[in-house]
Amino acid sequence: LDERRVRSVLGAAALLAPLSLDEPLPAGMHEPVCDEDPPAILLRNARLRAVRSALDGLPPRERDVVRCHYYRRTTFDLLGRRFGVSRQRVSQLHVRALRRLRTRLAAESAA
């Protein structure tokens, strides 16, 4: 067997060995990434539900513009072609949708 191959196999085997929780991590290994704390997760999920609810309340064309633009990264030019309107009209629909979303979300957070 080639010496490099043996070292490679031994190095790979060392990565599979269990680690002691009391010992520092070997060089090249990183600390595990901790999950967010539960209150932050709950807050983020509540915000997502509020945004989805507000989106569902928009007129269909405005809702489609927002979803396609932000979730699918579709440009206003492509959206204009899809809807049979100009890029500027899509921009107007986008602005109107964002205003409505802000109003709905502000009213919801005040309640």
N, C-alpha and C. Protein backbone atom coordinates (compact mmCIF):
# COMPACT_ATOMS: atom_id res chain seq x y z
N LEU A 1 0.83 -1.19 0.00
CA LEU A 1 0.00 0.00 0.00
C LEU A 1 0.87 1.25 0.00
N ASP A 2 0.38 2.25 -0.68
CA ASP A 2 1.06 3.53 -0.77
C ASP A 2 0.92 4.26 0.58
N GLU A 3 2.00 4.94 1.00
CA GLU A 3 1.99 5.63 2.30
C GLU A 3 0.92 6.74 2.33
N ARG A 4 0.76 7.47 1.22
CA ARG A 4 -0.25 8.53 1.18
C ARG A 4 -1.66 7.95 1.36
N ARG A 5 -1.88 6.81 0.74
CA ARG A 5 -3.20 6.17 0.84
C ARG A 5 -3.48 5.74 2.28
N VAL A 6 -2.47 5.19 2.95
CA VAL A 6 -2.63 4.76 4.35
C VAL A 6 -2.93 5.97 5.22
N ARG A 7 -2.18 7.07 5.03
CA ARG A 7 -2.43 8.28 5.82
C ARG A 7 -3.85 8.82 5.57
N SER A 8 -4.28 8.76 4.33
CA SER A 8 -5.62 9.24 3.98
C SER A 8 -6.69 8.41 4.68
N VAL A 9 -6.53 7.10 4.66
CA VAL A 9 -7.50 6.21 5.31
C VAL A 9 -7.50 6.43 6.82
N LEU A 10 -6.32 6.56 7.41
CA LEU A 10 -6.23 6.79 8.86
C LEU A 10 -6.85 8.15 9.23
N GLY A 11 -6.62 9.15 8.41
CA GLY A 11 -7.21 10.47 8.66
C GLY A 11 -8.73 10.42 8.59
N ALA A 12 -9.25 9.70 7.61
CA ALA A 12 -10.70 9.58 7.48
C ALA A 12 -11.28 8.80 8.66
N ALA A 13 -10.57 7.77 9.11
CA ALA A 13 -11.04 6.99 10.25
C ALA A 13 -11.06 7.83 11.52
N ALA A 14 -10.10 8.75 11.65
CA ALA A 14 -10.05 9.61 12.84
C ALA A 14 -11.26 10.53 12.90
N LEU A 15 -11.78 10.92 11.74
CA LEU A 15 -12.96 11.78 11.72
C LEU A 15 -14.21 11.05 12.22
N LEU A 16 -14.20 9.73 12.11
CA LEU A 16 -15.35 8.95 12.55
C LEU A 16 -15.28 8.57 14.02
N ALA A 17 -14.14 8.79 14.65
CA ALA A 17 -13.98 8.43 16.06
C ALA A 17 -14.83 9.35 16.93
N PRO A 18 -15.42 8.82 18.01
CA PRO A 18 -16.22 9.66 18.89
C PRO A 18 -15.35 10.72 19.57
N LEU A 19 -15.94 11.87 19.82
CA LEU A 19 -15.23 12.96 20.48
C LEU A 19 -15.71 13.08 21.91
N SER A 20 -14.80 13.42 22.80
CA SER A 20 -15.16 13.66 24.19
C SER A 20 -15.74 15.07 24.31
N LEU A 21 -16.79 15.21 25.09
CA LEU A 21 -17.37 16.52 25.32
C LEU A 21 -16.49 17.38 26.22
N ASP A 22 -15.56 16.74 26.93
CA ASP A 22 -14.68 17.47 27.84
C ASP A 22 -13.41 17.97 27.16
N GLU A 23 -13.10 17.45 26.00
CA GLU A 23 -11.88 17.82 25.30
C GLU A 23 -12.16 18.91 24.27
N PRO A 24 -11.18 19.81 24.03
CA PRO A 24 -11.38 20.79 22.96
C PRO A 24 -11.42 20.09 21.60
N LEU A 25 -12.06 20.72 20.65
CA LEU A 25 -12.15 20.14 19.31
C LEU A 25 -10.79 20.14 18.64
N PRO A 26 -10.50 19.11 17.86
CA PRO A 26 -9.24 19.08 17.12
C PRO A 26 -9.18 20.23 16.12
N ALA A 27 -7.97 20.58 15.71
CA ALA A 27 -7.78 21.66 14.73
C ALA A 27 -8.56 21.35 13.46
N GLY A 28 -9.17 22.36 12.90
CA GLY A 28 -9.92 22.19 11.67
C GLY A 28 -11.38 21.84 11.87
N MET A 29 -11.76 21.49 13.08
CA MET A 29 -13.18 21.21 13.35
C MET A 29 -13.80 22.45 13.98
N HIS A 30 -15.04 22.69 13.66
CA HIS A 30 -15.72 23.89 14.11
C HIS A 30 -16.71 23.56 15.22
N GLU A 31 -17.03 24.57 15.99
CA GLU A 31 -18.06 24.44 17.01
C GLU A 31 -19.40 24.20 16.31
N PRO A 32 -20.25 23.42 16.90
CA PRO A 32 -21.57 23.22 16.28
C PRO A 32 -22.37 24.52 16.29
N VAL A 33 -23.16 24.69 15.27
CA VAL A 33 -24.01 25.87 15.18
C VAL A 33 -25.26 25.62 16.02
N CYS A 34 -25.55 26.51 16.92
CA CYS A 34 -26.72 26.36 17.78
C CYS A 34 -27.96 26.88 17.05
N ASP A 35 -29.06 26.23 17.31
CA ASP A 35 -30.32 26.70 16.75
C ASP A 35 -30.72 28.00 17.44
N GLU A 36 -31.63 28.71 16.78
CA GLU A 36 -32.17 29.92 17.38
C GLU A 36 -32.90 29.54 18.66
N ASP A 37 -33.03 30.51 19.53
CA ASP A 37 -33.77 30.22 20.75
C ASP A 37 -35.27 30.13 20.43
N PRO A 38 -36.02 29.34 21.17
CA PRO A 38 -37.44 29.11 20.87
C PRO A 38 -38.28 30.38 20.74
N PRO A 39 -38.11 31.41 21.60
CA PRO A 39 -38.92 32.62 21.39
C PRO A 39 -38.67 33.28 20.04
N ALA A 40 -37.43 33.27 19.57
CA ALA A 40 -37.12 33.86 18.27
C ALA A 40 -37.79 33.06 17.15
N ILE A 41 -37.81 31.75 17.28
CA ILE A 41 -38.45 30.90 16.28
C ILE A 41 -39.96 31.18 16.25
N LEU A 42 -40.57 31.28 17.43
CA LEU A 42 -42.00 31.57 17.50
C LEU A 42 -42.33 32.92 16.88
N LEU A 43 -41.51 33.92 17.17
CA LEU A 43 -41.74 35.26 16.62
C LEU A 43 -41.62 35.26 15.10
N ARG A 44 -40.58 34.59 14.59
CA ARG A 44 -40.40 34.52 13.14
C ARG A 44 -41.58 33.81 12.48
N ASN A 45 -42.04 32.71 13.08
CA ASN A 45 -43.18 31.98 12.51
C ASN A 45 -44.46 32.81 12.55
N ALA A 46 -44.65 33.57 13.63
CA ALA A 46 -45.84 34.44 13.72
C ALA A 46 -45.79 35.51 12.64
N ARG A 47 -44.62 36.07 12.40
CA ARG A 47 -44.48 37.08 11.35
C ARG A 47 -44.76 36.49 9.98
N LEU A 48 -44.25 35.29 9.73
CA LEU A 48 -44.50 34.64 8.44
C LEU A 48 -45.98 34.38 8.23
N ARG A 49 -46.67 33.93 9.28
CA ARG A 49 -48.12 33.70 9.17
C ARG A 49 -48.85 35.00 8.87
N ALA A 50 -48.42 36.09 9.53
CA ALA A 50 -49.07 37.39 9.31
C ALA A 50 -48.86 37.86 7.87
N VAL A 51 -47.66 37.68 7.34
CA VAL A 51 -47.38 38.09 5.96
C VAL A 51 -48.19 37.24 4.98
N ARG A 52 -48.23 35.94 5.22
CA ARG A 52 -49.02 35.07 4.33
C ARG A 52 -50.50 35.46 4.35
N SER A 53 -51.01 35.73 5.53
CA SER A 53 -52.40 36.14 5.66
C SER A 53 -52.66 37.45 4.92
N ALA A 54 -51.76 38.41 5.09
CA ALA A 54 -51.90 39.70 4.40
C ALA A 54 -51.81 39.51 2.89
N LEU A 55 -50.90 38.64 2.44
CA LEU A 55 -50.79 38.36 1.00
C LEU A 55 -52.08 37.75 0.46
N ASP A 56 -52.66 36.84 1.22
CA ASP A 56 -53.90 36.20 0.77
C ASP A 56 -55.04 37.20 0.64
N GLY A 57 -54.95 38.33 1.35
CA GLY A 57 -55.99 39.34 1.28
C GLY A 57 -55.85 40.32 0.13
N LEU A 58 -54.75 40.23 -0.61
CA LEU A 58 -54.55 41.13 -1.75
C LEU A 58 -55.38 40.68 -2.95
N PRO A 59 -55.68 41.62 -3.85
CA PRO A 59 -56.31 41.23 -5.12
C PRO A 59 -55.38 40.25 -5.86
N PRO A 60 -55.94 39.33 -6.63
CA PRO A 60 -55.14 38.27 -7.25
C PRO A 60 -53.92 38.75 -8.04
N ARG A 61 -54.07 39.77 -8.85
CA ARG A 61 -52.95 40.22 -9.68
C ARG A 61 -51.83 40.79 -8.81
N GLU A 62 -52.18 41.59 -7.81
CA GLU A 62 -51.16 42.15 -6.91
C GLU A 62 -50.47 41.04 -6.13
N ARG A 63 -51.25 40.07 -5.67
CA ARG A 63 -50.68 38.94 -4.93
C ARG A 63 -49.70 38.18 -5.82
N ASP A 64 -50.07 37.96 -7.08
CA ASP A 64 -49.18 37.24 -8.01
C ASP A 64 -47.90 38.02 -8.26
N VAL A 65 -48.01 39.34 -8.40
CA VAL A 65 -46.82 40.16 -8.62
C VAL A 65 -45.86 40.02 -7.44
N VAL A 66 -46.37 40.14 -6.23
CA VAL A 66 -45.51 40.06 -5.04
C VAL A 66 -44.90 38.68 -4.92
N ARG A 67 -45.71 37.65 -5.05
CA ARG A 67 -45.19 36.29 -4.89
C ARG A 67 -44.15 35.96 -5.96
N CYS A 68 -44.44 36.29 -7.20
CA CYS A 68 -43.49 35.98 -8.28
C CYS A 68 -42.21 36.79 -8.13
N HIS A 69 -42.35 38.05 -7.77
CA HIS A 69 -41.16 38.91 -7.68
C HIS A 69 -40.27 38.50 -6.50
N TYR A 70 -40.85 38.25 -5.34
CA TYR A 70 -40.03 37.97 -4.16
C TYR A 70 -39.72 36.50 -3.95
N TYR A 71 -40.66 35.61 -4.26
CA TYR A 71 -40.42 34.20 -4.01
C TYR A 71 -39.76 33.49 -5.19
N ARG A 72 -40.09 33.94 -6.40
CA ARG A 72 -39.52 33.29 -7.59
C ARG A 72 -38.48 34.14 -8.29
N ARG A 73 -38.25 35.35 -7.76
CA ARG A 73 -37.26 36.29 -8.32
C ARG A 73 -37.54 36.63 -9.78
N THR A 74 -38.83 36.74 -10.13
CA THR A 74 -39.22 37.10 -11.49
C THR A 74 -39.13 38.61 -11.66
N THR A 75 -38.55 39.05 -12.76
CA THR A 75 -38.40 40.49 -13.01
C THR A 75 -39.74 41.10 -13.42
N PHE A 76 -39.84 42.42 -13.26
CA PHE A 76 -41.05 43.13 -13.68
C PHE A 76 -41.27 42.99 -15.18
N ASP A 77 -40.19 42.95 -15.93
CA ASP A 77 -40.29 42.80 -17.38
C ASP A 77 -40.97 41.47 -17.73
N LEU A 78 -40.51 40.38 -17.12
CA LEU A 78 -41.11 39.07 -17.38
C LEU A 78 -42.56 39.01 -16.89
N LEU A 79 -42.81 39.62 -15.73
CA LEU A 79 -44.18 39.64 -15.22
C LEU A 79 -45.09 40.43 -16.17
N GLY A 80 -44.58 41.53 -16.71
CA GLY A 80 -45.36 42.31 -17.66
C GLY A 80 -45.73 41.50 -18.88
N ARG A 81 -44.79 40.73 -19.39
CA ARG A 81 -45.08 39.88 -20.54
C ARG A 81 -46.12 38.82 -20.18
N ARG A 82 -45.99 38.25 -18.98
CA ARG A 82 -46.92 37.21 -18.55
C ARG A 82 -48.34 37.77 -18.41
N PHE A 83 -48.46 38.98 -17.86
CA PHE A 83 -49.78 39.58 -17.64
C PHE A 83 -50.28 40.40 -18.82
N GLY A 84 -49.42 40.60 -19.81
CA GLY A 84 -49.82 41.39 -20.97
C GLY A 84 -49.88 42.88 -20.70
N VAL A 85 -49.01 43.35 -19.80
CA VAL A 85 -48.95 44.78 -19.47
C VAL A 85 -47.49 45.23 -19.51
N SER A 86 -47.28 46.53 -19.37
CA SER A 86 -45.91 47.05 -19.40
C SER A 86 -45.20 46.79 -18.07
N ARG A 87 -43.89 46.91 -18.12
CA ARG A 87 -43.07 46.78 -16.92
C ARG A 87 -43.45 47.85 -15.91
N GLN A 88 -43.76 49.05 -16.40
CA GLN A 88 -44.16 50.15 -15.53
C GLN A 88 -45.46 49.84 -14.81
N ARG A 89 -46.40 49.20 -15.52
CA ARG A 89 -47.67 48.83 -14.88
C ARG A 89 -47.44 47.80 -13.79
N VAL A 90 -46.54 46.86 -14.02
CA VAL A 90 -46.20 45.87 -12.99
C VAL A 90 -45.60 46.58 -11.79
N SER A 91 -44.75 47.56 -12.04
CA SER A 91 -44.16 48.34 -10.95
C SER A 91 -45.25 49.04 -10.14
N GLN A 92 -46.25 49.60 -10.82
CA GLN A 92 -47.36 50.26 -10.12
C GLN A 92 -48.14 49.26 -9.27
N LEU A 93 -48.40 48.08 -9.83
CA LEU A 93 -49.10 47.04 -9.07
C LEU A 93 -48.29 46.63 -7.84
N HIS A 94 -46.99 46.55 -8.02
CA HIS A 94 -46.08 46.18 -6.94
C HIS A 94 -46.14 47.21 -5.81
N VAL A 95 -46.05 48.49 -6.17
CA VAL A 95 -46.10 49.56 -5.17
C VAL A 95 -47.43 49.54 -4.43
N ARG A 96 -48.52 49.38 -5.17
CA ARG A 96 -49.84 49.34 -4.54
C ARG A 96 -49.95 48.15 -3.58
N ALA A 97 -49.44 46.99 -4.01
CA ALA A 97 -49.49 45.79 -3.17
C ALA A 97 -48.69 46.00 -1.89
N LEU A 98 -47.51 46.60 -2.00
CA LEU A 98 -46.70 46.82 -0.80
C LEU A 98 -47.38 47.79 0.16
N ARG A 99 -48.03 48.81 -0.37
CA ARG A 99 -48.78 49.74 0.50
C ARG A 99 -49.89 49.01 1.24
N ARG A 100 -50.61 48.18 0.52
CA ARG A 100 -51.70 47.42 1.16
C ARG A 100 -51.15 46.46 2.21
N LEU A 101 -50.05 45.81 1.89
CA LEU A 101 -49.44 44.90 2.87
C LEU A 101 -49.01 45.64 4.12
N ARG A 102 -48.36 46.79 3.95
CA ARG A 102 -47.93 47.58 5.11
C ARG A 102 -49.12 47.97 5.97
N THR A 103 -50.19 48.41 5.32
CA THR A 103 -51.39 48.83 6.05
C THR A 103 -51.98 47.67 6.83
N ARG A 104 -52.12 46.53 6.18
CA ARG A 104 -52.69 45.35 6.84
C ARG A 104 -51.82 44.87 7.99
N LEU A 105 -50.51 44.82 7.77
CA LEU A 105 -49.61 44.35 8.82
C LEU A 105 -49.56 45.32 9.99
N ALA A 106 -49.61 46.61 9.70
CA ALA A 106 -49.62 47.61 10.78
C ALA A 106 -50.90 47.49 11.60
N ALA A 107 -52.03 47.31 10.92
CA ALA A 107 -53.31 47.16 11.63
C ALA A 107 -53.31 45.90 12.47
N GLU A 108 -52.73 44.83 11.95
CA GLU A 108 -52.69 43.57 12.67
C GLU A 108 -51.79 43.66 13.90
N SER A 109 -50.66 44.34 13.78
CA SER A 109 -49.75 44.44 14.92
C SER A 109 -50.29 45.39 15.98
N ALA A 110 -51.15 46.34 15.58
CA ALA A 110 -51.75 47.27 16.55
C ALA A 110 -52.88 46.59 17.32
N ALA A 111 -53.46 45.56 16.73
CA ALA A 111 -54.60 44.88 17.38
C ALA A 111 -54.18 43.98 18.50
